């Protein structure tokens, strides 16, 4: 199998794997803030952190499933950009010092998914296939 075949066959599948892993990881942050699981640290209801947790929980689940991926990824990406500039950047310019590397990576992975789409292993792909059969 040559490099072109790898890209053509496995590129879209690995995009699905990236989406699932990022979505589930993002979901964990929301689960901690909203449901108190696994760490049990829940912020005050309707605080900025709680609202971010709600976005993380809902968009993380949608992204992991590949359902409404592009709008969910757009919202998640924007949330992480705001989180970086509000919570991390004021502490230091450098992400390795301000603990903002995760926010930056989530922001750009989700921004990538806005434009690249969810990949073939997604509810969106199933819905697209079913809508073309009708």
C-alpha atoms as a PDB file:
ATOM      1  CA  UNK A   1       0.000   0.000   0.000  1.00  0.00           C
ATOM      2  CA  UNK A   2       1.514   3.342  -1.040  1.00  0.00           C
ATOM      3  CA  UNK A   3       1.253   6.713   0.698  1.00  0.00           C
ATOM      4  CA  UNK A   4      -1.598   7.860  -1.549  1.00  0.00           C
ATOM      5  CA  UNK A   5      -3.655   4.786  -0.666  1.00  0.00           C
ATOM      6  CA  UNK A   6      -2.986   5.336   3.030  1.00  0.00           C
ATOM      7  CA  UNK A   7      -4.191   8.904   2.793  1.00  0.00           C
ATOM      8  CA  UNK A   8      -7.236   8.068   0.682  1.00  0.00           C
ATOM      9  CA  UNK A   9      -8.366   5.051   2.690  1.00  0.00           C
ATOM     10  CA  UNK A  10      -7.152   5.751   6.210  1.00  0.00           C
ATOM     11  CA  UNK A  11      -7.166   9.559   6.298  1.00  0.00           C
ATOM     12  CA  UNK A  12     -10.962   9.877   6.690  1.00  0.00           C
ATOM     13  CA  UNK A  13     -11.085   6.986   9.149  1.00  0.00           C
ATOM     14  CA  UNK A  14      -8.354   8.516  11.308  1.00  0.00           C
ATOM     15  CA  UNK A  15     -10.263  11.817  11.238  1.00  0.00           C
ATOM     16  CA  UNK A  16     -13.145   9.877  12.795  1.00  0.00           C
ATOM     17  CA  UNK A  17     -10.800   8.422  15.427  1.00  0.00           C
ATOM     18  CA  UNK A  18      -9.424  11.906  16.210  1.00  0.00           C
ATOM     19  CA  UNK A  19     -12.989  13.268  16.492  1.00  0.00           C
ATOM     20  CA  UNK A  20     -14.096  10.478  18.823  1.00  0.00           C
ATOM     21  CA  UNK A  21     -11.029  10.785  21.083  1.00  0.00           C
ATOM     22  CA  UNK A  22     -11.249  14.589  21.255  1.00  0.00           C
ATOM     23  CA  UNK A  23     -15.014  14.521  21.819  1.00  0.00           C
ATOM     24  CA  UNK A  24     -14.809  11.977  24.634  1.00  0.00           C
ATOM     25  CA  UNK A  25     -11.956  13.862  26.301  1.00  0.00           C
ATOM     26  CA  UNK A  26     -13.881  17.133  26.037  1.00  0.00           C
ATOM     27  CA  UNK A  27     -16.967  15.379  27.413  1.00  0.00           C
ATOM     28  CA  UNK A  28     -14.949  14.362  30.497  1.00  0.00           C
ATOM     29  CA  UNK A  29     -14.235  18.011  31.335  1.00  0.00           C
ATOM     30  CA  UNK A  30     -17.926  18.855  31.057  1.00  0.00           C
ATOM     31  CA  UNK A  31     -18.914  15.785  33.049  1.00  0.00           C
ATOM     32  CA  UNK A  32     -16.653  16.861  35.879  1.00  0.00           C
ATOM     33  CA  UNK A  33     -18.103  20.387  35.981  1.00  0.00           C
ATOM     34  CA  UNK A  34     -21.772  19.543  35.512  1.00  0.00           C
ATOM     35  CA  UNK A  35     -22.180  16.033  36.932  1.00  0.00           C
ATOM     36  CA  UNK A  36     -19.352  16.028  39.466  1.00  0.00           C
ATOM     37  CA  UNK A  37     -17.864  12.936  37.842  1.00  0.00           C
ATOM     38  CA  UNK A  38     -15.144  11.748  38.138  1.00  0.00           C
ATOM     39  CA  UNK A  39     -13.545  14.331  40.448  1.00  0.00           C
ATOM     40  CA  UNK A  40     -16.664  15.820  42.009  1.00  0.00           C
ATOM     41  CA  UNK A  41     -15.670  19.469  41.615  1.00  0.00           C
ATOM     42  CA  UNK A  42     -18.759  21.313  40.460  1.00  0.00           C
ATOM     43  CA  UNK A  43     -18.774  25.099  40.062  1.00  0.00           C
ATOM     44  CA  UNK A  44     -21.658  27.310  41.100  1.00  0.00           C
ATOM     45  CA  UNK A  45     -24.656  26.885  38.804  1.00  0.00           C
ATOM     46  CA  UNK A  46     -24.813  29.434  35.970  1.00  0.00           C
ATOM     47  CA  UNK A  47     -21.280  30.668  36.668  1.00  0.00           C
ATOM     48  CA  UNK A  48     -18.944  31.099  33.696  1.00  0.00           C
ATOM     49  CA  UNK A  49     -17.213  27.814  34.536  1.00  0.00           C
ATOM     50  CA  UNK A  50     -20.555  25.992  34.830  1.00  0.00           C
ATOM     51  CA  UNK A  51     -21.695  27.373  31.448  1.00  0.00           C
ATOM     52  CA  UNK A  52     -18.398  26.266  29.899  1.00  0.00           C
ATOM     53  CA  UNK A  53     -18.940  22.832  31.449  1.00  0.00           C
ATOM     54  CA  UNK A  54     -22.404  22.600  29.924  1.00  0.00           C
ATOM     55  CA  UNK A  55     -20.970  23.445  26.504  1.00  0.00           C
ATOM     56  CA  UNK A  56     -18.181  20.889  27.031  1.00  0.00           C
ATOM     57  CA  UNK A  57     -20.651  18.199  28.065  1.00  0.00           C
ATOM     58  CA  UNK A  58     -23.116  18.714  25.218  1.00  0.00           C
ATOM     59  CA  UNK A  59     -20.670  19.469  22.399  1.00  0.00           C
ATOM     60  CA  UNK A  60     -18.296  16.736  23.590  1.00  0.00           C
ATOM     61  CA  UNK A  61     -21.089  14.170  23.320  1.00  0.00           C
ATOM     62  CA  UNK A  62     -22.206  15.468  19.912  1.00  0.00           C
ATOM     63  CA  UNK A  63     -18.648  15.523  18.567  1.00  0.00           C
ATOM     64  CA  UNK A  64     -17.891  12.028  19.894  1.00  0.00           C
ATOM     65  CA  UNK A  65     -21.028  10.686  18.206  1.00  0.00           C
ATOM     66  CA  UNK A  66     -20.414  12.683  15.057  1.00  0.00           C
ATOM     67  CA  UNK A  67     -23.869  14.269  15.277  1.00  0.00           C
ATOM     68  CA  UNK A  68     -24.185  17.907  14.154  1.00  0.00           C
ATOM     69  CA  UNK A  69     -20.393  17.807  14.194  1.00  0.00           C
ATOM     70  CA  UNK A  70     -19.634  21.041  12.381  1.00  0.00           C
ATOM     71  CA  UNK A  71     -21.816  23.377  14.496  1.00  0.00           C
ATOM     72  CA  UNK A  72     -20.860  21.567  17.722  1.00  0.00           C
ATOM     73  CA  UNK A  73     -17.163  21.774  16.846  1.00  0.00           C
ATOM     74  CA  UNK A  74     -17.531  25.464  15.977  1.00  0.00           C
ATOM     75  CA  UNK A  75     -19.081  26.204  19.386  1.00  0.00           C
ATOM     76  CA  UNK A  76     -16.499  24.055  21.194  1.00  0.00           C
ATOM     77  CA  UNK A  77     -13.620  25.703  19.333  1.00  0.00           C
ATOM     78  CA  UNK A  78     -14.852  29.175  20.193  1.00  0.00           C
ATOM     79  CA  UNK A  79     -15.363  28.179  23.818  1.00  0.00           C
ATOM     80  CA  UNK A  80     -11.774  26.998  24.053  1.00  0.00           C
ATOM     81  CA  UNK A  81     -10.466  30.184  22.408  1.00  0.00           C
ATOM     82  CA  UNK A  82     -12.351  32.284  24.964  1.00  0.00           C
ATOM     83  CA  UNK A  83     -11.201  30.019  27.807  1.00  0.00           C
ATOM     84  CA  UNK A  84      -7.594  30.400  26.722  1.00  0.00           C
ATOM     85  CA  UNK A  85      -7.681  34.181  26.605  1.00  0.00           C
ATOM     86  CA  UNK A  86      -9.712  34.593  29.817  1.00  0.00           C
ATOM     87  CA  UNK A  87      -8.195  31.906  32.042  1.00  0.00           C
ATOM     88  CA  UNK A  88      -4.757  31.066  30.675  1.00  0.00           C
ATOM     89  CA  UNK A  89      -3.167  33.891  28.682  1.00  0.00           C
ATOM     90  CA  UNK A  90      -3.272  36.436  31.542  1.00  0.00           C
ATOM     91  CA  UNK A  91      -1.007  34.147  33.614  1.00  0.00           C
ATOM     92  CA  UNK A  92       1.749  33.951  30.989  1.00  0.00           C
ATOM     93  CA  UNK A  93       2.329  34.178  27.251  1.00  0.00           C
ATOM     94  CA  UNK A  94       3.647  30.597  27.139  1.00  0.00           C
ATOM     95  CA  UNK A  95       1.114  27.713  27.126  1.00  0.00           C
ATOM     96  CA  UNK A  96       3.554  25.419  28.934  1.00  0.00           C
ATOM     97  CA  UNK A  97       3.571  27.870  31.853  1.00  0.00           C
ATOM     98  CA  UNK A  98      -0.081  29.006  31.858  1.00  0.00           C
ATOM     99  CA  UNK A  99      -1.558  25.467  31.567  1.00  0.00           C
ATOM    100  CA  UNK A 100      -3.321  26.472  28.352  1.00  0.00           C
ATOM    101  CA  UNK A 101      -1.923  23.843  25.983  1.00  0.00           C
ATOM    102  CA  UNK A 102      -5.084  21.731  26.246  1.00  0.00           C
ATOM    103  CA  UNK A 103      -7.328  24.682  25.435  1.00  0.00           C
ATOM    104  CA  UNK A 104      -5.216  25.566  22.391  1.00  0.00           C
ATOM    105  CA  UNK A 105      -5.196  21.983  21.124  1.00  0.00           C
ATOM    106  CA  UNK A 106      -8.939  21.539  21.629  1.00  0.00           C
ATOM    107  CA  UNK A 107      -9.545  24.874  19.883  1.00  0.00           C
ATOM    108  CA  UNK A 108      -7.599  23.913  16.771  1.00  0.00           C
ATOM    109  CA  UNK A 109      -8.708  20.263  16.605  1.00  0.00           C
ATOM    110  CA  UNK A 110     -12.324  21.386  16.756  1.00  0.00           C
ATOM    111  CA  UNK A 111     -11.687  24.167  14.238  1.00  0.00           C
ATOM    112  CA  UNK A 112     -10.204  21.527  11.926  1.00  0.00           C
ATOM    113  CA  UNK A 113     -13.374  19.423  12.298  1.00  0.00           C
ATOM    114  CA  UNK A 114     -15.530  22.428  11.357  1.00  0.00           C
ATOM    115  CA  UNK A 115     -13.897  22.443   7.927  1.00  0.00           C
ATOM    116  CA  UNK A 116     -12.900  18.774   7.480  1.00  0.00           C
ATOM    117  CA  UNK A 117     -16.135  17.236   8.746  1.00  0.00           C
ATOM    118  CA  UNK A 118     -16.687  14.269  11.029  1.00  0.00           C
ATOM    119  CA  UNK A 119     -15.277  11.445   8.911  1.00  0.00           C
ATOM    120  CA  UNK A 120     -17.047   8.297   7.781  1.00  0.00           C
ATOM    121  CA  UNK A 121     -17.602   6.761  11.217  1.00  0.00           C
ATOM    122  CA  UNK A 122     -20.230   9.234  12.408  1.00  0.00           C
ATOM    123  CA  UNK A 123     -23.953   9.698  12.781  1.00  0.00           C
ATOM    124  CA  UNK A 124     -23.688  12.607  10.325  1.00  0.00           C
ATOM    125  CA  UNK A 125     -22.268  10.237   7.677  1.00  0.00           C
ATOM    126  CA  UNK A 126     -25.087   7.749   8.282  1.00  0.00           C
ATOM    127  CA  UNK A 127     -27.668  10.529   8.019  1.00  0.00           C
ATOM    128  CA  UNK A 128     -26.060  11.776   4.791  1.00  0.00           C
ATOM    129  CA  UNK A 129     -26.091   8.265   3.281  1.00  0.00           C
ATOM    130  CA  UNK A 130     -29.745   7.765   4.246  1.00  0.00           C
ATOM    131  CA  UNK A 131     -30.820  11.148   2.883  1.00  0.00           C
ATOM    132  CA  UNK A 132     -29.284  10.413  -0.529  1.00  0.00           C
ATOM    133  CA  UNK A 133     -31.232   7.127  -0.775  1.00  0.00           C
ATOM    134  CA  UNK A 134     -34.582   8.905  -0.493  1.00  0.00           C
END
